[in-house]
Amino acid sequence: MAKSRTAFRDSEFETPPQTRAGLVALWEAGWKICLDALDQLTDDDLTRTITIRTEPHSVMQAINRQVGHYAHHVGQLVFLAKHFAGTNWQTLSVPKKKSEDFNRRVAAGEASQR
């Protein structure tokens, strides 16, 4: 029998992966749950109400909640990557004190904000 989603989530904290392969497997399993759920949605489902931890959400609210949750974790990963990279860190956005140059390049069509 497959683990419930709650048991899967809780096990992340009880027995964290000890290898890169284990971490990747956990990552892939988590994304599979998300993508499988999205694949099953129909247009009619978008107006339905679902329950998350006893609280009602529209399906769109649940999707937005999950995207926000992922954004939080991405921020954590970037924070750690920046910490471990130290002075070797290369910014993921406009470098400090380079906004004016970047804006000039966007206006000239040499760079994009997208």
PDB file of N, CA and C in Angstrom:
ATOM      1  N   MET A   1       0.841  -1.179   0.000  1.00  0.00           N
ATOM      2  CA  MET A   1       0.000   0.000   0.000  1.00  0.00           C
ATOM      3  C   MET A   1       0.893   1.253   0.000  1.00  0.00           C
ATOM      4  N   ALA A   2       0.535   2.228  -0.788  1.00  0.00           N
ATOM      5  CA  ALA A   2       1.322   3.462  -0.879  1.00  0.00           C
ATOM      6  C   ALA A   2       1.127   4.305   0.377  1.00  0.00           C
ATOM      7  N   LYS A   3       2.149   5.070   0.694  1.00  0.00           N
ATOM      8  CA  LYS A   3       2.054   5.985   1.837  1.00  0.00           C
ATOM      9  C   LYS A   3       1.007   7.048   1.557  1.00  0.00           C
ATOM     10  N   SER A   4       0.289   7.454   2.591  1.00  0.00           N
ATOM     11  CA  SER A   4      -0.610   8.587   2.433  1.00  0.00           C
ATOM     12  C   SER A   4       0.234   9.835   2.240  1.00  0.00           C
ATOM     13  N   ARG A   5      -0.372  10.888   1.709  1.00  0.00           N
ATOM     14  CA  ARG A   5       0.365  12.131   1.510  1.00  0.00           C
ATOM     15  C   ARG A   5       0.870  12.695   2.835  1.00  0.00           C
ATOM     16  N   THR A   6       0.069  12.553   3.889  1.00  0.00           N
ATOM     17  CA  THR A   6       0.487  13.051   5.199  1.00  0.00           C
ATOM     18  C   THR A   6       1.679  12.253   5.708  1.00  0.00           C
ATOM     19  N   ALA A   7       1.616  10.932   5.590  1.00  0.00           N
ATOM     20  CA  ALA A   7       2.726  10.094   6.044  1.00  0.00           C
ATOM     21  C   ALA A   7       3.975  10.390   5.217  1.00  0.00           C
ATOM     22  N   PHE A   8       3.811  10.603   3.913  1.00  0.00           N
ATOM     23  CA  PHE A   8       4.940  10.936   3.049  1.00  0.00           C
ATOM     24  C   PHE A   8       5.579  12.235   3.517  1.00  0.00           C
ATOM     25  N   ARG A   9       4.767  13.248   3.754  1.00  0.00           N
ATOM     26  CA  ARG A   9       5.286  14.540   4.180  1.00  0.00           C
ATOM     27  C   ARG A   9       5.987  14.431   5.529  1.00  0.00           C
ATOM     28  N   ASP A  10       5.362  13.767   6.479  1.00  0.00           N
ATOM     29  CA  ASP A  10       5.951  13.651   7.814  1.00  0.00           C
ATOM     30  C   ASP A  10       7.260  12.869   7.786  1.00  0.00           C
ATOM     31  N   SER A  11       7.377  11.883   6.908  1.00  0.00           N
ATOM     32  CA  SER A  11       8.586  11.061   6.868  1.00  0.00           C
ATOM     33  C   SER A  11       9.799  11.849   6.384  1.00  0.00           C
ATOM     34  N   GLU A  12       9.575  12.953   5.675  1.00  0.00           N
ATOM     35  CA  GLU A  12      10.691  13.795   5.237  1.00  0.00           C
ATOM     36  C   GLU A  12      11.526  14.262   6.421  1.00  0.00           C
ATOM     37  N   PHE A  13      10.866  14.499   7.548  1.00  0.00           N
ATOM     38  CA  PHE A  13      11.528  15.050   8.719  1.00  0.00           C
ATOM     39  C   PHE A  13      12.049  13.964   9.659  1.00  0.00           C
ATOM     40  N   GLU A  14      11.478  12.772   9.576  1.00  0.00           N
ATOM     41  CA  GLU A  14      11.878  11.681  10.454  1.00  0.00           C
ATOM     42  C   GLU A  14      13.103  10.947   9.920  1.00  0.00           C
ATOM     43  N   THR A  15      13.118  10.715   8.637  1.00  0.00           N
ATOM     44  CA  THR A  15      14.224   9.975   8.018  1.00  0.00           C
ATOM     45  C   THR A  15      14.675  10.703   6.760  1.00  0.00           C
ATOM     46  N   PRO A  16      15.400  11.805   6.917  1.00  0.00           N
ATOM     47  CA  PRO A  16      15.840  12.555   5.731  1.00  0.00           C
ATOM     48  C   PRO A  16      16.815  11.714   4.908  1.00  0.00           C
ATOM     49  N   PRO A  17      16.850  11.945   3.609  1.00  0.00           N
ATOM     50  CA  PRO A  17      17.766  11.179   2.764  1.00  0.00           C
ATOM     51  C   PRO A  17      19.222  11.427   3.165  1.00  0.00           C
ATOM     52  N   GLN A  18      20.023  10.393   3.046  1.00  0.00           N
ATOM     53  CA  GLN A  18      21.431  10.483   3.428  1.00  0.00           C
ATOM     54  C   GLN A  18      22.361  10.611   2.226  1.00  0.00           C
ATOM     55  N   THR A  19      21.787  10.487   1.027  1.00  0.00           N
ATOM     56  CA  THR A  19      22.595  10.569  -0.184  1.00  0.00           C
ATOM     57  C   THR A  19      21.928  11.503  -1.186  1.00  0.00           C
ATOM     58  N   ARG A  20      22.697  11.936  -2.160  1.00  0.00           N
ATOM     59  CA  ARG A  20      22.143  12.766  -3.229  1.00  0.00           C
ATOM     60  C   ARG A  20      21.048  11.998  -3.982  1.00  0.00           C
ATOM     61  N   ALA A  21      21.308  10.714  -4.251  1.00  0.00           N
ATOM     62  CA  ALA A  21      20.317   9.892  -4.955  1.00  0.00           C
ATOM     63  C   ALA A  21      19.018   9.804  -4.154  1.00  0.00           C
ATOM     64  N   GLY A  22      19.136   9.665  -2.848  1.00  0.00           N
ATOM     65  CA  GLY A  22      17.940   9.625  -2.004  1.00  0.00           C
ATOM     66  C   GLY A  22      17.188  10.942  -2.018  1.00  0.00           C
ATOM     67  N   LEU A  23      17.931  12.052  -1.999  1.00  0.00           N
ATOM     68  CA  LEU A  23      17.306  13.369  -2.059  1.00  0.00           C
ATOM     69  C   LEU A  23      16.588  13.575  -3.386  1.00  0.00           C
ATOM     70  N   VAL A  24      17.235  13.185  -4.478  1.00  0.00           N
ATOM     71  CA  VAL A  24      16.616  13.323  -5.799  1.00  0.00           C
ATOM     72  C   VAL A  24      15.359  12.456  -5.881  1.00  0.00           C
ATOM     73  N   ALA A  25      15.412  11.253  -5.337  1.00  0.00           N
ATOM     74  CA  ALA A  25      14.233  10.376  -5.348  1.00  0.00           C
ATOM     75  C   ALA A  25      13.081  11.002  -4.573  1.00  0.00           C
ATOM     76  N   LEU A  26      13.371  11.602  -3.422  1.00  0.00           N
ATOM     77  CA  LEU A  26      12.347  12.271  -2.631  1.00  0.00           C
ATOM     78  C   LEU A  26      11.775  13.467  -3.389  1.00  0.00           C
ATOM     79  N   TRP A  27      12.664  14.239  -4.012  1.00  0.00           N
ATOM     80  CA  TRP A  27      12.263  15.400  -4.829  1.00  0.00           C
ATOM     81  C   TRP A  27      11.318  14.943  -5.944  1.00  0.00           C
ATOM     82  N   GLU A  28      11.703  13.912  -6.666  1.00  0.00           N
ATOM     83  CA  GLU A  28      10.894  13.409  -7.782  1.00  0.00           C
ATOM     84  C   GLU A  28       9.551  12.879  -7.301  1.00  0.00           C
ATOM     85  N   ALA A  29       9.538  12.187  -6.173  1.00  0.00           N
ATOM     86  CA  ALA A  29       8.280  11.653  -5.637  1.00  0.00           C
ATOM     87  C   ALA A  29       7.334  12.791  -5.259  1.00  0.00           C
ATOM     88  N   GLY A  30       7.885  13.850  -4.659  1.00  0.00           N
ATOM     89  CA  GLY A  30       7.050  14.996  -4.292  1.00  0.00           C
ATOM     90  C   GLY A  30       6.457  15.686  -5.507  1.00  0.00           C
ATOM     91  N   TRP A  31       7.290  15.909  -6.530  1.00  0.00           N
ATOM     92  CA  TRP A  31       6.773  16.546  -7.754  1.00  0.00           C
ATOM     93  C   TRP A  31       5.762  15.646  -8.457  1.00  0.00           C
ATOM     94  N   LYS A  32       5.942  14.333  -8.376  1.00  0.00           N
ATOM     95  CA  LYS A  32       4.979  13.413  -9.008  1.00  0.00           C
ATOM     96  C   LYS A  32       3.603  13.569  -8.376  1.00  0.00           C
ATOM     97  N   ILE A  33       3.560  13.688  -7.057  1.00  0.00           N
ATOM     98  CA  ILE A  33       2.270  13.890  -6.388  1.00  0.00           C
ATOM     99  C   ILE A  33       1.598  15.160  -6.913  1.00  0.00           C
ATOM    100  N   CYS A  34       2.357  16.245  -6.978  1.00  0.00           N
ATOM    101  CA  CYS A  34       1.811  17.521  -7.444  1.00  0.00           C
ATOM    102  C   CYS A  34       1.342  17.432  -8.892  1.00  0.00           C
ATOM    103  N   LEU A  35       2.211  16.947  -9.764  1.00  0.00           N
ATOM    104  CA  LEU A  35       1.881  16.918 -11.193  1.00  0.00           C
ATOM    105  C   LEU A  35       0.767  15.932 -11.504  1.00  0.00           C
ATOM    106  N   ASP A  36       0.721  14.804 -10.801  1.00  0.00           N
ATOM    107  CA  ASP A  36      -0.384  13.854 -10.994  1.00  0.00           C
ATOM    108  C   ASP A  36      -1.719  14.487 -10.606  1.00  0.00           C
ATOM    109  N   ALA A  37      -1.716  15.253  -9.518  1.00  0.00           N
ATOM    110  CA  ALA A  37      -2.946  15.927  -9.086  1.00  0.00           C
ATOM    111  C   ALA A  37      -3.384  16.950 -10.134  1.00  0.00           C
ATOM    112  N   LEU A  38      -2.446  17.719 -10.668  1.00  0.00           N
ATOM    113  CA  LEU A  38      -2.795  18.714 -11.697  1.00  0.00           C
ATOM    114  C   LEU A  38      -3.270  18.052 -12.982  1.00  0.00           C
ATOM    115  N   ASP A  39      -2.652  16.943 -13.351  1.00  0.00           N
ATOM    116  CA  ASP A  39      -3.039  16.231 -14.579  1.00  0.00           C
ATOM    117  C   ASP A  39      -4.488  15.757 -14.529  1.00  0.00           C
ATOM    118  N   GLN A  40      -4.985  15.468 -13.348  1.00  0.00           N
ATOM    119  CA  GLN A  40      -6.346  14.941 -13.206  1.00  0.00           C
ATOM    120  C   GLN A  40      -7.424  16.028 -13.254  1.00  0.00           C
ATOM    121  N   LEU A  41      -7.024  17.277 -13.139  1.00  0.00           N
ATOM    122  CA  LEU A  41      -8.013  18.357 -13.086  1.00  0.00           C
ATOM    123  C   LEU A  41      -8.705  18.567 -14.423  1.00  0.00           C
ATOM    124  N   THR A  42      -9.990  18.883 -14.333  1.00  0.00           N
ATOM    125  CA  THR A  42     -10.766  19.281 -15.510  1.00  0.00           C
ATOM    126  C   THR A  42     -11.167  20.738 -15.327  1.00  0.00           C
ATOM    127  N   ASP A  43     -11.710  21.341 -16.367  1.00  0.00           N
ATOM    128  CA  ASP A  43     -12.181  22.724 -16.258  1.00  0.00           C
ATOM    129  C   ASP A  43     -13.214  22.862 -15.138  1.00  0.00           C
ATOM    130  N   ASP A  44     -14.099  21.870 -15.015  1.00  0.00           N
ATOM    131  CA  ASP A  44     -15.135  21.922 -13.978  1.00  0.00           C
ATOM    132  C   ASP A  44     -14.545  21.879 -12.571  1.00  0.00           C
ATOM    133  N   ASP A  45     -13.402  21.232 -12.418  1.00  0.00           N
ATOM    134  CA  ASP A  45     -12.771  21.127 -11.104  1.00  0.00           C
ATOM    135  C   ASP A  45     -12.319  22.484 -10.570  1.00  0.00           C
ATOM    136  N   LEU A  46     -12.030  23.434 -11.450  1.00  0.00           N
ATOM    137  CA  LEU A  46     -11.478  24.714 -11.015  1.00  0.00           C
ATOM    138  C   LEU A  46     -12.440  25.515 -10.147  1.00  0.00           C
ATOM    139  N   THR A  47     -13.724  25.202 -10.207  1.00  0.00           N
ATOM    140  CA  THR A  47     -14.707  25.917  -9.381  1.00  0.00           C
ATOM    141  C   THR A  47     -15.120  25.105  -8.147  1.00  0.00           C
ATOM    142  N   ARG A  48     -14.573  23.908  -8.009  1.00  0.00           N
ATOM    143  CA  ARG A  48     -14.891  23.064  -6.851  1.00  0.00           C
ATOM    144  C   ARG A  48     -14.226  23.580  -5.588  1.00  0.00           C
ATOM    145  N   THR A  49     -14.752  23.150  -4.460  1.00  0.00           N
ATOM    146  CA  THR A  49     -14.133  23.433  -3.161  1.00  0.00           C
ATOM    147  C   THR A  49     -13.522  22.140  -2.656  1.00  0.00           C
ATOM    148  N   ILE A  50     -12.278  22.238  -2.182  1.00  0.00           N
ATOM    149  CA  ILE A  50     -11.603  21.087  -1.582  1.00  0.00           C
ATOM    150  C   ILE A  50     -11.204  21.471  -0.164  1.00  0.00           C
ATOM    151  N   THR A  51     -10.818  20.503   0.612  1.00  0.00           N
ATOM    152  CA  THR A  51     -10.439  20.745   1.993  1.00  0.00           C
ATOM    153  C   THR A  51      -8.968  20.423   2.189  1.00  0.00           C
ATOM    154  N   ILE A  52      -8.235  21.370   2.749  1.00  0.00           N
ATOM    155  CA  ILE A  52      -6.833  21.159   3.095  1.00  0.00           C
ATOM    156  C   ILE A  52      -6.711  21.406   4.590  1.00  0.00           C
ATOM    157  N   ARG A  53      -6.346  20.363   5.322  1.00  0.00           N
ATOM    158  CA  ARG A  53      -6.207  20.449   6.781  1.00  0.00           C
ATOM    159  C   ARG A  53      -7.434  21.073   7.433  1.00  0.00           C
ATOM    160  N   THR A  54      -8.584  20.579   7.050  1.00  0.00           N
ATOM    161  CA  THR A  54      -9.916  20.952   7.550  1.00  0.00           C
ATOM    162  C   THR A  54     -10.399  22.321   7.076  1.00  0.00           C
ATOM    163  N   GLU A  55      -9.645  23.006   6.235  1.00  0.00           N
ATOM    164  CA  GLU A  55     -10.037  24.343   5.774  1.00  0.00           C
ATOM    165  C   GLU A  55     -10.468  24.284   4.309  1.00  0.00           C
ATOM    166  N   PRO A  56     -11.661  24.849   3.977  1.00  0.00           N
ATOM    167  CA  PRO A  56     -12.106  24.823   2.579  1.00  0.00           C
ATOM    168  C   PRO A  56     -11.317  25.802   1.708  1.00  0.00           C
ATOM    169  N   HIS A  57     -10.985  25.347   0.509  1.00  0.00           N
ATOM    170  CA  HIS A  57     -10.295  26.162  -0.491  1.00  0.00           C
ATOM    171  C   HIS A  57     -10.925  25.874  -1.850  1.00  0.00           C
ATOM    172  N   SER A  58     -11.015  26.892  -2.707  1.00  0.00           N
ATOM    173  CA  SER A  58     -11.321  26.585  -4.098  1.00  0.00           C
ATOM    174  C   SER A  58     -10.080  25.898  -4.672  1.00  0.00           C
ATOM    175  N   VAL A  59     -10.241  25.177  -5.756  1.00  0.00           N
ATOM    176  CA  VAL A  59      -9.090  24.517  -6.363  1.00  0.00           C
ATOM    177  C   VAL A  59      -8.048  25.561  -6.764  1.00  0.00           C
ATOM    178  N   MET A  60      -8.490  26.704  -7.278  1.00  0.00           N
ATOM    179  CA  MET A  60      -7.541  27.759  -7.650  1.00  0.00           C
ATOM    180  C   MET A  60      -6.809  28.296  -6.413  1.00  0.00           C
ATOM    181  N   GLN A  61      -7.515  28.442  -5.296  1.00  0.00           N
ATOM    182  CA  GLN A  61      -6.847  28.870  -4.061  1.00  0.00           C
ATOM    183  C   GLN A  61      -5.799  27.845  -3.636  1.00  0.00           C
ATOM    184  N   ALA A  62      -6.143  26.574  -3.769  1.00  0.00           N
ATOM    185  CA  ALA A  62      -5.199  25.519  -3.383  1.00  0.00           C
ATOM    186  C   ALA A  62      -3.956  25.549  -4.268  1.00  0.00           C
ATOM    187  N   ILE A  63      -4.149  25.758  -5.553  1.00  0.00           N
ATOM    188  CA  ILE A  63      -3.003  25.841  -6.470  1.00  0.00           C
ATOM    189  C   ILE A  63      -2.146  27.048  -6.109  1.00  0.00           C
ATOM    190  N   ASN A  64      -2.774  28.187  -5.884  1.00  0.00           N
ATOM    191  CA  ASN A  64      -2.017  29.389  -5.504  1.00  0.00           C
ATOM    192  C   ASN A  64      -1.293  29.191  -4.172  1.00  0.00           C
ATOM    193  N   ARG A  65      -1.944  28.524  -3.244  1.00  0.00           N
ATOM    194  CA  ARG A  65      -1.307  28.232  -1.954  1.00  0.00           C
ATOM    195  C   ARG A  65      -0.051  27.386  -2.172  1.00  0.00           C
ATOM    196  N   GLN A  66      -0.162  26.376  -3.020  1.00  0.00           N
ATOM    197  CA  GLN A  66       0.967  25.487  -3.268  1.00  0.00           C
ATOM    198  C   GLN A  66       2.106  26.215  -3.975  1.00  0.00           C
ATOM    199  N   VAL A  67       1.778  27.064  -4.943  1.00  0.00           N
ATOM    200  CA  VAL A  67       2.814  27.838  -5.640  1.00  0.00           C
ATOM    201  C   VAL A  67       3.543  28.745  -4.640  1.00  0.00           C
ATOM    202  N   GLY A  68       2.802  29.378  -3.746  1.00  0.00           N
ATOM    203  CA  GLY A  68       3.430  30.201  -2.709  1.00  0.00           C
ATOM    204  C   GLY A  68       4.320  29.387  -1.788  1.00  0.00           C
ATOM    205  N   HIS A  69       3.870  28.181  -1.478  1.00  0.00           N
ATOM    206  CA  HIS A  69       4.654  27.288  -0.626  1.00  0.00           C
ATOM    207  C   HIS A  69       5.971  26.921  -1.323  1.00  0.00           C
ATOM    208  N   TYR A  70       5.888  26.610  -2.597  1.00  0.00           N
ATOM    209  CA  TYR A  70       7.107  26.283  -3.352  1.00  0.00           C
ATOM    210  C   TYR A  70       8.039  27.485  -3.411  1.00  0.00           C
ATOM    211  N   ALA A  71       7.484  28.669  -3.611  1.00  0.00           N
ATOM    212  CA  ALA A  71       8.316  29.872  -3.668  1.00  0.00           C
ATOM    213  C   ALA A  71       9.076  30.063  -2.356  1.00  0.00           C
ATOM    214  N   HIS A  72       8.416  29.779  -1.251  1.00  0.00           N
ATOM    215  CA  HIS A  72       9.071  29.873   0.055  1.00  0.00           C
ATOM    216  C   HIS A  72      10.283  28.933   0.112  1.00  0.00           C
ATOM    217  N   HIS A  73      10.085  27.694  -0.321  1.00  0.00           N
ATOM    218  CA  HIS A  73      11.176  26.728  -0.275  1.00  0.00           C
ATOM    219  C   HIS A  73      12.281  27.071  -1.272  1.00  0.00           C
ATOM    220  N   VAL A  74      11.930  27.604  -2.422  1.00  0.00           N
ATOM    221  CA  VAL A  74      12.963  28.040  -3.369  1.00  0.00           C
ATOM    222  C   VAL A  74      13.810  29.126  -2.721  1.00  0.00           C
ATOM    223  N   GLY A  75      13.178  30.049  -2.005  1.00  0.00           N
ATOM    224  CA  GLY A  75      13.922  31.076  -1.286  1.00  0.00           C
ATOM    225  C   GLY A  75      14.883  30.470  -0.276  1.00  0.00           C
ATOM    226  N   GLN A  76      14.446  29.421   0.413  1.00  0.00           N
ATOM    227  CA  GLN A  76      15.323  28.745   1.363  1.00  0.00           C
ATOM    228  C   GLN A  76      16.526  28.121   0.651  1.00  0.00           C
ATOM    229  N   LEU A  77      16.269  27.494  -0.489  1.00  0.00           N
ATOM    230  CA  LEU A  77      17.358  26.870  -1.244  1.00  0.00           C
ATOM    231  C   LEU A  77      18.354  27.917  -1.745  1.00  0.00           C
ATOM    232  N   VAL A  78      17.840  29.033  -2.250  1.00  0.00           N
ATOM    233  CA  VAL A  78      18.727  30.099  -2.730  1.00  0.00           C
ATOM    234  C   VAL A  78      19.542  30.655  -1.568  1.00  0.00           C
ATOM    235  N   PHE A  79      18.906  30.858  -0.429  1.00  0.00           N
ATOM    236  CA  PHE A  79      19.611  31.360   0.747  1.00  0.00           C
ATOM    237  C   PHE A  79      20.783  30.443   1.112  1.00  0.00           C
ATOM    238  N   LEU A  80      20.508  29.135   1.156  1.00  0.00           N
ATOM    239  CA  LEU A  80      21.565  28.185   1.499  1.00  0.00           C
ATOM    240  C   LEU A  80      22.653  28.141   0.426  1.00  0.00           C
ATOM    241  N   ALA A  81      22.239  28.157  -0.843  1.00  0.00           N
ATOM    242  CA  ALA A  81      23.228  28.135  -1.925  1.00  0.00           C
ATOM    243  C   ALA A  81      24.124  29.359  -1.848  1.00  0.00           C
ATOM    244  N   LYS A  82      23.517  30.507  -1.591  1.00  0.00           N
ATOM    245  CA  LYS A  82      24.293  31.750  -1.468  1.00  0.00           C
ATOM    246  C   LYS A  82      25.257  31.660  -0.289  1.00  0.00           C
ATOM    247  N   HIS A  83      24.784  31.124   0.813  1.00  0.00           N
ATOM    248  CA  HIS A  83      25.626  30.967   2.001  1.00  0.00           C
ATOM    249  C   HIS A  83      26.833  30.071   1.709  1.00  0.00           C
ATOM    250  N   PHE A  84      26.574  28.914   1.103  1.00  0.00           N
ATOM    251  CA  PHE A  84      27.660  27.972   0.851  1.00  0.00           C
ATOM    252  C   PHE A  84      28.601  28.447  -0.259  1.00  0.00           C
ATOM    253  N   ALA A  85      28.092  29.201  -1.218  1.00  0.00           N
ATOM    254  CA  ALA A  85      28.942  29.704  -2.302  1.00  0.00           C
ATOM    255  C   ALA A  85      29.837  30.839  -1.832  1.00  0.00           C
ATOM    256  N   GLY A  86      29.374  31.581  -0.829  1.00  0.00           N
ATOM    257  CA  GLY A  86      30.164  32.697  -0.304  1.00  0.00           C
ATOM    258  C   GLY A  86      30.486  33.711  -1.384  1.00  0.00           C
ATOM    259  N   THR A  87      31.753  34.071  -1.489  1.00  0.00           N
ATOM    260  CA  THR A  87      32.154  35.095  -2.468  1.00  0.00           C
ATOM    261  C   THR A  87      32.074  34.599  -3.904  1.00  0.00           C
ATOM    262  N   ASN A  88      31.870  33.307  -4.106  1.00  0.00           N
ATOM    263  CA  ASN A  88      31.711  32.765  -5.464  1.00  0.00           C
ATOM    264  C   ASN A  88      30.274  32.863  -5.975  1.00  0.00           C
ATOM    265  N   TRP A  89      29.365  33.366  -5.140  1.00  0.00           N
ATOM    266  CA  TRP A  89      27.952  33.463  -5.520  1.00  0.00           C
ATOM    267  C   TRP A  89      27.789  34.383  -6.715  1.00  0.00           C
ATOM    268  N   GLN A  90      27.000  33.929  -7.684  1.00  0.00           N
ATOM    269  CA  GLN A  90      26.635  34.754  -8.834  1.00  0.00           C
ATOM    270  C   GLN A  90      25.147  35.028  -8.735  1.00  0.00           C
ATOM    271  N   THR A  91      24.780  36.288  -8.719  1.00  0.00           N
ATOM    272  CA  THR A  91      23.393  36.676  -8.493  1.00  0.00           C
ATOM    273  C   THR A  91      22.447  36.056  -9.533  1.00  0.00           C
ATOM    274  N   LEU A  92      21.223  35.838  -9.108  1.00  0.00           N
ATOM    275  CA  LEU A  92      20.193  35.315  -9.994  1.00  0.00           C
ATOM    276  C   LEU A  92      19.368  36.439 -10.606  1.00  0.00           C
ATOM    277  N   SER A  93      19.656  37.666 -10.207  1.00  0.00           N
ATOM    278  CA  SER A  93      18.901  38.815 -10.711  1.00  0.00           C
ATOM    279  C   SER A  93      19.875  39.957 -10.989  1.00  0.00           C
ATOM    280  N   VAL A  94      19.397  41.159 -10.930  1.00  0.00           N
ATOM    281  CA  VAL A  94      20.230  42.325 -11.184  1.00  0.00           C
ATOM    282  C   VAL A  94      21.232  42.472 -10.036  1.00  0.00           C
ATOM    283  N   PRO A  95      22.526  42.524 -10.349  1.00  0.00           N
ATOM    284  CA  PRO A  95      23.524  42.650  -9.279  1.00  0.00           C
ATOM    285  C   PRO A  95      23.375  43.969  -8.513  1.00  0.00           C
ATOM    286  N   LYS A  96      23.861  43.961  -7.277  1.00  0.00           N
ATOM    287  CA  LYS A  96      23.845  45.169  -6.451  1.00  0.00           C
ATOM    288  C   LYS A  96      24.532  46.308  -7.188  1.00  0.00           C
ATOM    289  N   LYS A  97      23.932  47.479  -7.065  1.00  0.00           N
ATOM    290  CA  LYS A  97      24.469  48.718  -7.635  1.00  0.00           C
ATOM    291  C   LYS A  97      24.577  48.678  -9.159  1.00  0.00           C
ATOM    292  N   LYS A  98      23.797  47.790  -9.800  1.00  0.00           N
ATOM    293  CA  LYS A  98      23.813  47.684 -11.259  1.00  0.00           C
ATOM    294  C   LYS A  98      22.431  47.928 -11.869  1.00  0.00           C
ATOM    295  N   SER A  99      21.474  48.422 -11.070  1.00  0.00           N
ATOM    296  CA  SER A  99      20.119  48.640 -11.560  1.00  0.00           C
ATOM    297  C   SER A  99      20.074  49.660 -12.694  1.00  0.00           C
ATOM    298  N   GLU A 100      20.800  50.749 -12.544  1.00  0.00           N
ATOM    299  CA  GLU A 100      20.788  51.790 -13.570  1.00  0.00           C
ATOM    300  C   GLU A 100      21.307  51.236 -14.899  1.00  0.00           C
ATOM    301  N   ASP A 101      22.394  50.490 -14.853  1.00  0.00           N
ATOM    302  CA  ASP A 101      22.950  49.895 -16.068  1.00  0.00           C
ATOM    303  C   ASP A 101      21.971  48.900 -16.675  1.00  0.00           C
ATOM    304  N   PHE A 102      21.345  48.072 -15.828  1.00  0.00           N
ATOM    305  CA  PHE A 102      20.382  47.094 -16.325  1.00  0.00           C
ATOM    306  C   PHE A 102      19.194  47.790 -16.977  1.00  0.00           C
ATOM    307  N   ASN A 103      18.654  48.827 -16.331  1.00  0.00           N
ATOM    308  CA  ASN A 103      17.508  49.554 -16.888  1.00  0.00           C
ATOM    309  C   ASN A 103      17.864  50.177 -18.235  1.00  0.00           C
ATOM    310  N   ARG A 104      19.103  50.698 -18.359  1.00  0.00           N
ATOM    311  CA  ARG A 104      19.547  51.275 -19.628  1.00  0.00           C
ATOM    312  C   ARG A 104      19.593  50.192 -20.704  1.00  0.00           C
ATOM    313  N   ARG A 105      20.089  49.019 -20.346  1.00  0.00           N
ATOM    314  CA  ARG A 105      20.186  47.922 -21.313  1.00  0.00           C
ATOM    315  C   ARG A 105      18.799  47.415 -21.739  1.00  0.00           C
ATOM    316  N   VAL A 106      17.847  47.394 -20.804  1.00  0.00           N
ATOM    317  CA  VAL A 106      16.476  46.998 -21.150  1.00  0.00           C
ATOM    318  C   VAL A 106      15.884  48.020 -22.110  1.00  0.00           C
ATOM    319  N   ALA A 107      16.035  49.310 -21.797  1.00  0.00           N
ATOM    320  CA  ALA A 107      15.489  50.368 -22.664  1.00  0.00           C
ATOM    321  C   ALA A 107      16.099  50.329 -24.056  1.00  0.00           C
ATOM    322  N   ALA A 108      17.369  49.922 -24.153  1.00  0.00           N
ATOM    323  CA  ALA A 108      18.052  49.854 -25.447  1.00  0.00           C
ATOM    324  C   ALA A 108      17.762  48.536 -26.179  1.00  0.00           C
ATOM    325  N   GLY A 109      16.993  47.659 -25.563  1.00  0.00           N
ATOM    326  CA  GLY A 109      16.680  46.379 -26.181  1.00  0.00           C
ATOM    327  C   GLY A 109      17.813  45.368 -26.080  1.00  0.00           C
ATOM    328  N   GLU A 110      18.798  45.637 -25.227  1.00  0.00           N
ATOM    329  CA  GLU A 110      19.944  44.741 -25.074  1.00  0.00           C
ATOM    330  C   GLU A 110      19.721  43.683 -23.994  1.00  0.00           C
ATOM    331  N   ALA A 111      18.724  43.869 -23.160  1.00  0.00           N
ATOM    332  CA  ALA A 111      18.413  42.930 -22.082  1.00  0.00           C
ATOM    333  C   ALA A 111      16.903  42.893 -21.907  1.00  0.00           C
ATOM    334  N   SER A 112      16.428  41.926 -21.161  1.00  0.00           N
ATOM    335  CA  SER A 112      14.996  41.802 -20.922  1.00  0.00           C
ATOM    336  C   SER A 112      14.729  41.575 -19.442  1.00  0.00           C
ATOM    337  N   GLN A 113      13.569  42.028 -18.993  1.00  0.00           N
ATOM    338  CA  GLN A 113      13.142  41.820 -17.606  1.00  0.00           C
ATOM    339  C   GLN A 113      12.361  40.516 -17.475  1.00  0.00           C
ATOM    340  N   ARG A 114      12.106  39.871 -18.576  1.00  0.00           N
ATOM    341  CA  ARG A 114      11.283  38.660 -18.550  1.00  0.00           C
ATOM    342  C   ARG A 114      12.087  37.437 -18.343  1.00  0.00           C
TER     343      ARG A 114
END
